[in-house]
Amino acid sequence: PTPMILCGDRLYLNRMWCNERTVARFFNEVNHAIEVDEALLAQTLDKLFPVSDEINWQKVAAAVALTRRISVISGGPGTGK
């Protein structure tokens, strides 16, 4: 194999490119949607999170966590994770 891989506008060391593809493949294979009652989910989330004109990212994160097998929530200190 070549020591470096050019993928689009990104240059990877071969080993790192292989590692990234392995991780991406894992997440694509494992992270299927979980069947939920969408009306019940919306009702429950509306009770837990106040209604706002702005996007409530904590509510979005909770919805993702309840509907996907894997979710990644990131942010700096004090961001409401």
PDB file of N, CA and C in Angstrom:
ATOM      1  N   PRO A   1       0.823  -1.204   0.000  1.00  0.00           N
ATOM      2  CA  PRO A   1       0.000   0.000   0.000  1.00  0.00           C
ATOM      3  C   PRO A   1       0.863   1.262   0.000  1.00  0.00           C
ATOM      4  N   THR A   2       0.297   2.322  -0.503  1.00  0.00           N
ATOM      5  CA  THR A   2       1.021   3.594  -0.529  1.00  0.00           C
ATOM      6  C   THR A   2       1.085   4.179   0.880  1.00  0.00           C
ATOM      7  N   PRO A   3       2.133   4.949   1.177  1.00  0.00           N
ATOM      8  CA  PRO A   3       2.268   5.495   2.535  1.00  0.00           C
ATOM      9  C   PRO A   3       1.261   6.597   2.843  1.00  0.00           C
ATOM     10  N   MET A   4       0.738   7.244   1.792  1.00  0.00           N
ATOM     11  CA  MET A   4      -0.217   8.325   2.013  1.00  0.00           C
ATOM     12  C   MET A   4      -1.396   8.173   1.062  1.00  0.00           C
ATOM     13  N   ILE A   5      -2.557   8.643   1.507  1.00  0.00           N
ATOM     14  CA  ILE A   5      -3.789   8.558   0.727  1.00  0.00           C
ATOM     15  C   ILE A   5      -4.338   9.972   0.563  1.00  0.00           C
ATOM     16  N   LEU A   6      -4.636  10.347  -0.673  1.00  0.00           N
ATOM     17  CA  LEU A   6      -5.298  11.615  -0.944  1.00  0.00           C
ATOM     18  C   LEU A   6      -6.768  11.300  -1.192  1.00  0.00           C
ATOM     19  N   CYS A   7      -7.616  11.791  -0.326  1.00  0.00           N
ATOM     20  CA  CYS A   7      -9.058  11.552  -0.425  1.00  0.00           C
ATOM     21  C   CYS A   7      -9.738  12.915  -0.489  1.00  0.00           C
ATOM     22  N   GLY A   8     -10.197  13.295  -1.669  1.00  0.00           N
ATOM     23  CA  GLY A   8     -10.734  14.641  -1.840  1.00  0.00           C
ATOM     24  C   GLY A   8      -9.613  15.650  -1.655  1.00  0.00           C
ATOM     25  N   ASP A   9      -9.817  16.579  -0.746  1.00  0.00           N
ATOM     26  CA  ASP A   9      -8.776  17.572  -0.479  1.00  0.00           C
ATOM     27  C   ASP A   9      -8.013  17.266   0.807  1.00  0.00           C
ATOM     28  N   ARG A  10      -8.145  16.038   1.310  1.00  0.00           N
ATOM     29  CA  ARG A  10      -7.479  15.649   2.555  1.00  0.00           C
ATOM     30  C   ARG A  10      -6.390  14.620   2.286  1.00  0.00           C
ATOM     31  N   LEU A  11      -5.274  14.802   2.967  1.00  0.00           N
ATOM     32  CA  LEU A  11      -4.145  13.894   2.839  1.00  0.00           C
ATOM     33  C   LEU A  11      -3.998  13.120   4.142  1.00  0.00           C
ATOM     34  N   TYR A  12      -4.006  11.795   4.060  1.00  0.00           N
ATOM     35  CA  TYR A  12      -3.942  10.926   5.230  1.00  0.00           C
ATOM     36  C   TYR A  12      -2.698  10.055   5.168  1.00  0.00           C
ATOM     37  N   LEU A  13      -2.138   9.751   6.327  1.00  0.00           N
ATOM     38  CA  LEU A  13      -1.222   8.625   6.403  1.00  0.00           C
ATOM     39  C   LEU A  13      -2.072   7.381   6.174  1.00  0.00           C
ATOM     40  N   ASN A  14      -1.553   6.395   5.480  1.00  0.00           N
ATOM     41  CA  ASN A  14      -2.322   5.199   5.145  1.00  0.00           C
ATOM     42  C   ASN A  14      -2.959   4.580   6.383  1.00  0.00           C
ATOM     43  N   ARG A  15      -2.187   4.451   7.442  1.00  0.00           N
ATOM     44  CA  ARG A  15      -2.694   3.828   8.667  1.00  0.00           C
ATOM     45  C   ARG A  15      -3.874   4.615   9.239  1.00  0.00           C
ATOM     46  N   MET A  16      -3.782   5.936   9.250  1.00  0.00           N
ATOM     47  CA  MET A  16      -4.856   6.768   9.788  1.00  0.00           C
ATOM     48  C   MET A  16      -6.102   6.699   8.908  1.00  0.00           C
ATOM     49  N   TRP A  17      -5.909   6.645   7.596  1.00  0.00           N
ATOM     50  CA  TRP A  17      -7.032   6.522   6.675  1.00  0.00           C
ATOM     51  C   TRP A  17      -7.762   5.201   6.920  1.00  0.00           C
ATOM     52  N   CYS A  18      -7.003   4.126   7.083  1.00  0.00           N
ATOM     53  CA  CYS A  18      -7.607   2.814   7.362  1.00  0.00           C
ATOM     54  C   CYS A  18      -8.356   2.834   8.691  1.00  0.00           C
ATOM     55  N   ASN A  19      -7.752   3.453   9.707  1.00  0.00           N
ATOM     56  CA  ASN A  19      -8.408   3.548  11.014  1.00  0.00           C
ATOM     57  C   ASN A  19      -9.716   4.331  10.917  1.00  0.00           C
ATOM     58  N   GLU A  20      -9.690   5.447  10.213  1.00  0.00           N
ATOM     59  CA  GLU A  20     -10.894   6.266  10.077  1.00  0.00           C
ATOM     60  C   GLU A  20     -11.989   5.497   9.352  1.00  0.00           C
ATOM     61  N   ARG A  21     -11.629   4.776   8.320  1.00  0.00           N
ATOM     62  CA  ARG A  21     -12.620   3.984   7.586  1.00  0.00           C
ATOM     63  C   ARG A  21     -13.200   2.874   8.455  1.00  0.00           C
ATOM     64  N   THR A  22     -12.369   2.264   9.293  1.00  0.00           N
ATOM     65  CA  THR A  22     -12.851   1.213  10.194  1.00  0.00           C
ATOM     66  C   THR A  22     -13.863   1.776  11.187  1.00  0.00           C
ATOM     67  N   VAL A  23     -13.549   2.911  11.771  1.00  0.00           N
ATOM     68  CA  VAL A  23     -14.457   3.546  12.731  1.00  0.00           C
ATOM     69  C   VAL A  23     -15.753   3.968  12.033  1.00  0.00           C
ATOM     70  N   ALA A  24     -15.652   4.576  10.861  1.00  0.00           N
ATOM     71  CA  ALA A  24     -16.840   4.997  10.116  1.00  0.00           C
ATOM     72  C   ALA A  24     -17.714   3.796   9.763  1.00  0.00           C
ATOM     73  N   ARG A  25     -17.101   2.709   9.335  1.00  0.00           N
ATOM     74  CA  ARG A  25     -17.854   1.495   8.995  1.00  0.00           C
ATOM     75  C   ARG A  25     -18.594   0.965  10.219  1.00  0.00           C
ATOM     76  N   PHE A  26     -17.915   0.945  11.372  1.00  0.00           N
ATOM     77  CA  PHE A  26     -18.539   0.480  12.614  1.00  0.00           C
ATOM     78  C   PHE A  26     -19.785   1.302  12.931  1.00  0.00           C
ATOM     79  N   PHE A  27     -19.646   2.634  12.912  1.00  0.00           N
ATOM     80  CA  PHE A  27     -20.786   3.485  13.239  1.00  0.00           C
ATOM     81  C   PHE A  27     -21.916   3.319  12.231  1.00  0.00           C
ATOM     82  N   ASN A  28     -21.603   3.181  10.964  1.00  0.00           N
ATOM     83  CA  ASN A  28     -22.639   2.990   9.952  1.00  0.00           C
ATOM     84  C   ASN A  28     -23.365   1.668  10.119  1.00  0.00           C
ATOM     85  N   GLU A  29     -22.667   0.626  10.539  1.00  0.00           N
ATOM     86  CA  GLU A  29     -23.279  -0.690  10.705  1.00  0.00           C
ATOM     87  C   GLU A  29     -24.097  -0.784  11.983  1.00  0.00           C
ATOM     88  N   VAL A  30     -23.661  -0.125  13.040  1.00  0.00           N
ATOM     89  CA  VAL A  30     -24.272  -0.294  14.357  1.00  0.00           C
ATOM     90  C   VAL A  30     -25.362   0.736  14.648  1.00  0.00           C
ATOM     91  N   ASN A  31     -25.238   1.916  14.121  1.00  0.00           N
ATOM     92  CA  ASN A  31     -26.094   3.022  14.542  1.00  0.00           C
ATOM     93  C   ASN A  31     -27.405   3.097  13.770  1.00  0.00           C
ATOM     94  N   HIS A  32     -28.225   2.067  13.915  1.00  0.00           N
ATOM     95  CA  HIS A  32     -29.538   2.059  13.278  1.00  0.00           C
ATOM     96  C   HIS A  32     -30.540   2.798  14.160  1.00  0.00           C
ATOM     97  N   ALA A  33     -31.587   3.283  13.544  1.00  0.00           N
ATOM     98  CA  ALA A  33     -32.637   3.958  14.300  1.00  0.00           C
ATOM     99  C   ALA A  33     -33.347   2.954  15.205  1.00  0.00           C
ATOM    100  N   ILE A  34     -33.776   3.439  16.360  1.00  0.00           N
ATOM    101  CA  ILE A  34     -34.559   2.642  17.299  1.00  0.00           C
ATOM    102  C   ILE A  34     -36.023   3.022  17.087  1.00  0.00           C
ATOM    103  N   GLU A  35     -36.890   2.022  16.977  1.00  0.00           N
ATOM    104  CA  GLU A  35     -38.308   2.316  16.783  1.00  0.00           C
ATOM    105  C   GLU A  35     -38.888   2.889  18.063  1.00  0.00           C
ATOM    106  N   VAL A  36     -39.514   4.034  17.949  1.00  0.00           N
ATOM    107  CA  VAL A  36     -40.165   4.675  19.090  1.00  0.00           C
ATOM    108  C   VAL A  36     -41.514   5.220  18.638  1.00  0.00           C
ATOM    109  N   ASP A  37     -42.389   5.409  19.598  1.00  0.00           N
ATOM    110  CA  ASP A  37     -43.661   6.076  19.338  1.00  0.00           C
ATOM    111  C   ASP A  37     -43.351   7.567  19.266  1.00  0.00           C
ATOM    112  N   GLU A  38     -43.344   8.114  18.059  1.00  0.00           N
ATOM    113  CA  GLU A  38     -42.919   9.504  17.868  1.00  0.00           C
ATOM    114  C   GLU A  38     -43.812  10.495  18.599  1.00  0.00           C
ATOM    115  N   ALA A  39     -45.107  10.222  18.649  1.00  0.00           N
ATOM    116  CA  ALA A  39     -46.021  11.125  19.354  1.00  0.00           C
ATOM    117  C   ALA A  39     -45.714  11.128  20.849  1.00  0.00           C
ATOM    118  N   LEU A  40     -45.482   9.944  21.410  1.00  0.00           N
ATOM    119  CA  LEU A  40     -45.148   9.845  22.833  1.00  0.00           C
ATOM    120  C   LEU A  40     -43.800  10.493  23.119  1.00  0.00           C
ATOM    121  N   LEU A  41     -42.836  10.294  22.230  1.00  0.00           N
ATOM    122  CA  LEU A  41     -41.523  10.915  22.395  1.00  0.00           C
ATOM    123  C   LEU A  41     -41.653  12.434  22.399  1.00  0.00           C
ATOM    124  N   ALA A  42     -42.383  12.984  21.435  1.00  0.00           N
ATOM    125  CA  ALA A  42     -42.564  14.438  21.362  1.00  0.00           C
ATOM    126  C   ALA A  42     -43.270  14.964  22.604  1.00  0.00           C
ATOM    127  N   GLN A  43     -44.292  14.245  23.052  1.00  0.00           N
ATOM    128  CA  GLN A  43     -45.038  14.657  24.247  1.00  0.00           C
ATOM    129  C   GLN A  43     -44.136  14.651  25.479  1.00  0.00           C
ATOM    130  N   THR A  44     -43.346  13.616  25.628  1.00  0.00           N
ATOM    131  CA  THR A  44     -42.444  13.504  26.777  1.00  0.00           C
ATOM    132  C   THR A  44     -41.375  14.590  26.741  1.00  0.00           C
ATOM    133  N   LEU A  45     -40.771  14.803  25.585  1.00  0.00           N
ATOM    134  CA  LEU A  45     -39.740  15.841  25.476  1.00  0.00           C
ATOM    135  C   LEU A  45     -40.320  17.230  25.720  1.00  0.00           C
ATOM    136  N   ASP A  46     -41.558  17.462  25.274  1.00  0.00           N
ATOM    137  CA  ASP A  46     -42.198  18.755  25.517  1.00  0.00           C
ATOM    138  C   ASP A  46     -42.432  18.989  27.008  1.00  0.00           C
ATOM    139  N   LYS A  47     -42.697  17.913  27.757  1.00  0.00           N
ATOM    140  CA  LYS A  47     -42.874  18.046  29.210  1.00  0.00           C
ATOM    141  C   LYS A  47     -41.548  18.331  29.907  1.00  0.00           C
ATOM    142  N   LEU A  48     -40.468  17.739  29.396  1.00  0.00           N
ATOM    143  CA  LEU A  48     -39.165  17.863  30.052  1.00  0.00           C
ATOM    144  C   LEU A  48     -38.431  19.152  29.708  1.00  0.00           C
ATOM    145  N   PHE A  49     -38.673  19.687  28.517  1.00  0.00           N
ATOM    146  CA  PHE A  49     -37.941  20.866  28.056  1.00  0.00           C
ATOM    147  C   PHE A  49     -38.922  21.991  27.754  1.00  0.00           C
ATOM    148  N   PRO A  50     -38.646  23.193  28.252  1.00  0.00           N
ATOM    149  CA  PRO A  50     -39.566  24.309  28.034  1.00  0.00           C
ATOM    150  C   PRO A  50     -39.669  24.689  26.555  1.00  0.00           C
ATOM    151  N   VAL A  51     -40.847  25.138  26.180  1.00  0.00           N
ATOM    152  CA  VAL A  51     -41.078  25.584  24.808  1.00  0.00           C
ATOM    153  C   VAL A  51     -40.313  26.885  24.584  1.00  0.00           C
ATOM    154  N   SER A  52     -39.685  26.997  23.428  1.00  0.00           N
ATOM    155  CA  SER A  52     -38.886  28.175  23.114  1.00  0.00           C
ATOM    156  C   SER A  52     -38.945  28.437  21.617  1.00  0.00           C
ATOM    157  N   ASP A  53     -38.755  29.691  21.245  1.00  0.00           N
ATOM    158  CA  ASP A  53     -38.695  30.035  19.822  1.00  0.00           C
ATOM    159  C   ASP A  53     -37.364  29.625  19.207  1.00  0.00           C
ATOM    160  N   GLU A  54     -36.349  29.448  20.054  1.00  0.00           N
ATOM    161  CA  GLU A  54     -35.022  29.046  19.584  1.00  0.00           C
ATOM    162  C   GLU A  54     -34.890  27.528  19.655  1.00  0.00           C
ATOM    163  N   ILE A  55     -33.943  26.997  18.918  1.00  0.00           N
ATOM    164  CA  ILE A  55     -33.683  25.557  18.962  1.00  0.00           C
ATOM    165  C   ILE A  55     -33.121  25.205  20.334  1.00  0.00           C
ATOM    166  N   ASN A  56     -33.743  24.230  20.998  1.00  0.00           N
ATOM    167  CA  ASN A  56     -33.268  23.761  22.297  1.00  0.00           C
ATOM    168  C   ASN A  56     -32.360  22.557  22.030  1.00  0.00           C
ATOM    169  N   TRP A  57     -31.056  22.794  22.036  1.00  0.00           N
ATOM    170  CA  TRP A  57     -30.107  21.743  21.660  1.00  0.00           C
ATOM    171  C   TRP A  57     -30.083  20.605  22.662  1.00  0.00           C
ATOM    172  N   GLN A  58     -30.428  20.863  23.934  1.00  0.00           N
ATOM    173  CA  GLN A  58     -30.515  19.770  24.899  1.00  0.00           C
ATOM    174  C   GLN A  58     -31.674  18.844  24.536  1.00  0.00           C
ATOM    175  N   LYS A  59     -32.767  19.423  24.099  1.00  0.00           N
ATOM    176  CA  LYS A  59     -33.923  18.629  23.670  1.00  0.00           C
ATOM    177  C   LYS A  59     -33.571  17.803  22.436  1.00  0.00           C
ATOM    178  N   VAL A  60     -32.878  18.413  21.500  1.00  0.00           N
ATOM    179  CA  VAL A  60     -32.436  17.696  20.295  1.00  0.00           C
ATOM    180  C   VAL A  60     -31.524  16.536  20.682  1.00  0.00           C
ATOM    181  N   ALA A  61     -30.581  16.793  21.594  1.00  0.00           N
ATOM    182  CA  ALA A  61     -29.655  15.742  22.035  1.00  0.00           C
ATOM    183  C   ALA A  61     -30.406  14.601  22.706  1.00  0.00           C
ATOM    184  N   ALA A  62     -31.406  14.928  23.519  1.00  0.00           N
ATOM    185  CA  ALA A  62     -32.203  13.887  24.176  1.00  0.00           C
ATOM    186  C   ALA A  62     -32.955  13.054  23.138  1.00  0.00           C
ATOM    187  N   ALA A  63     -33.520  13.713  22.128  1.00  0.00           N
ATOM    188  CA  ALA A  63     -34.243  12.993  21.076  1.00  0.00           C
ATOM    189  C   ALA A  63     -33.310  12.062  20.310  1.00  0.00           C
ATOM    190  N   VAL A  64     -32.124  12.545  19.988  1.00  0.00           N
ATOM    191  CA  VAL A  64     -31.151  11.709  19.275  1.00  0.00           C
ATOM    192  C   VAL A  64     -30.746  10.522  20.143  1.00  0.00           C
ATOM    193  N   ALA A  65     -30.480  10.775  21.422  1.00  0.00           N
ATOM    194  CA  ALA A  65     -30.057   9.698  22.322  1.00  0.00           C
ATOM    195  C   ALA A  65     -31.133   8.627  22.465  1.00  0.00           C
ATOM    196  N   LEU A  66     -32.397   9.023  22.358  1.00  0.00           N
ATOM    197  CA  LEU A  66     -33.494   8.067  22.510  1.00  0.00           C
ATOM    198  C   LEU A  66     -33.880   7.367  21.210  1.00  0.00           C
ATOM    199  N   THR A  67     -33.376   7.841  20.090  1.00  0.00           N
ATOM    200  CA  THR A  67     -33.784   7.251  18.809  1.00  0.00           C
ATOM    201  C   THR A  67     -32.642   6.619  18.023  1.00  0.00           C
ATOM    202  N   ARG A  68     -31.427   6.715  18.519  1.00  0.00           N
ATOM    203  CA  ARG A  68     -30.270   6.109  17.855  1.00  0.00           C
ATOM    204  C   ARG A  68     -29.530   5.230  18.855  1.00  0.00           C
ATOM    205  N   ARG A  69     -28.897   4.184  18.383  1.00  0.00           N
ATOM    206  CA  ARG A  69     -28.150   3.291  19.265  1.00  0.00           C
ATOM    207  C   ARG A  69     -26.887   3.948  19.801  1.00  0.00           C
ATOM    208  N   ILE A  70     -26.310   4.852  19.038  1.00  0.00           N
ATOM    209  CA  ILE A  70     -25.093   5.550  19.449  1.00  0.00           C
ATOM    210  C   ILE A  70     -25.303   7.035  19.206  1.00  0.00           C
ATOM    211  N   SER A  71     -24.918   7.831  20.183  1.00  0.00           N
ATOM    212  CA  SER A  71     -24.929   9.281  19.976  1.00  0.00           C
ATOM    213  C   SER A  71     -23.688   9.854  20.635  1.00  0.00           C
ATOM    214  N   VAL A  72     -23.180  10.896  20.057  1.00  0.00           N
ATOM    215  CA  VAL A  72     -22.000  11.569  20.597  1.00  0.00           C
ATOM    216  C   VAL A  72     -22.420  12.990  20.931  1.00  0.00           C
ATOM    217  N   ILE A  73     -22.310  13.331  22.194  1.00  0.00           N
ATOM    218  CA  ILE A  73     -22.658  14.670  22.652  1.00  0.00           C
ATOM    219  C   ILE A  73     -21.375  15.314  23.133  1.00  0.00           C
ATOM    220  N   SER A  74     -21.015  16.428  22.525  1.00  0.00           N
ATOM    221  CA  SER A  74     -19.753  17.071  22.889  1.00  0.00           C
ATOM    222  C   SER A  74     -19.972  18.555  23.127  1.00  0.00           C
ATOM    223  N   GLY A  75     -19.025  19.141  23.793  1.00  0.00           N
ATOM    224  CA  GLY A  75     -19.079  20.571  24.051  1.00  0.00           C
ATOM    225  C   GLY A  75     -18.176  20.904  25.218  1.00  0.00           C
ATOM    226  N   GLY A  76     -17.834  22.131  25.307  1.00  0.00           N
ATOM    227  CA  GLY A  76     -16.962  22.579  26.379  1.00  0.00           C
ATOM    228  C   GLY A  76     -17.679  22.633  27.717  1.00  0.00           C
ATOM    229  N   PRO A  77     -16.937  22.933  28.772  1.00  0.00           N
ATOM    230  CA  PRO A  77     -17.539  23.049  30.103  1.00  0.00           C
ATOM    231  C   PRO A  77     -18.637  24.119  30.117  1.00  0.00           C
ATOM    232  N   GLY A  78     -19.713  23.816  30.812  1.00  0.00           N
ATOM    233  CA  GLY A  78     -20.789  24.787  30.959  1.00  0.00           C
ATOM    234  C   GLY A  78     -21.705  24.931  29.762  1.00  0.00           C
ATOM    235  N   THR A  79     -21.648  23.986  28.823  1.00  0.00           N
ATOM    236  CA  THR A  79     -22.483  24.099  27.624  1.00  0.00           C
ATOM    237  C   THR A  79     -23.765  23.278  27.713  1.00  0.00           C
ATOM    238  N   GLY A  80     -24.027  22.661  28.852  1.00  0.00           N
ATOM    239  CA  GLY A  80     -25.297  21.969  29.042  1.00  0.00           C
ATOM    240  C   GLY A  80     -25.360  20.546  28.538  1.00  0.00           C
ATOM    241  N   LYS A  81     -24.231  19.874  28.491  1.00  0.00           N
ATOM    242  CA  LYS A  81     -24.247  18.482  28.043  1.00  0.00           C
ATOM    243  C   LYS A  81     -25.008  17.652  29.055  1.00  0.00           C
TER     244      LYS A  81
END
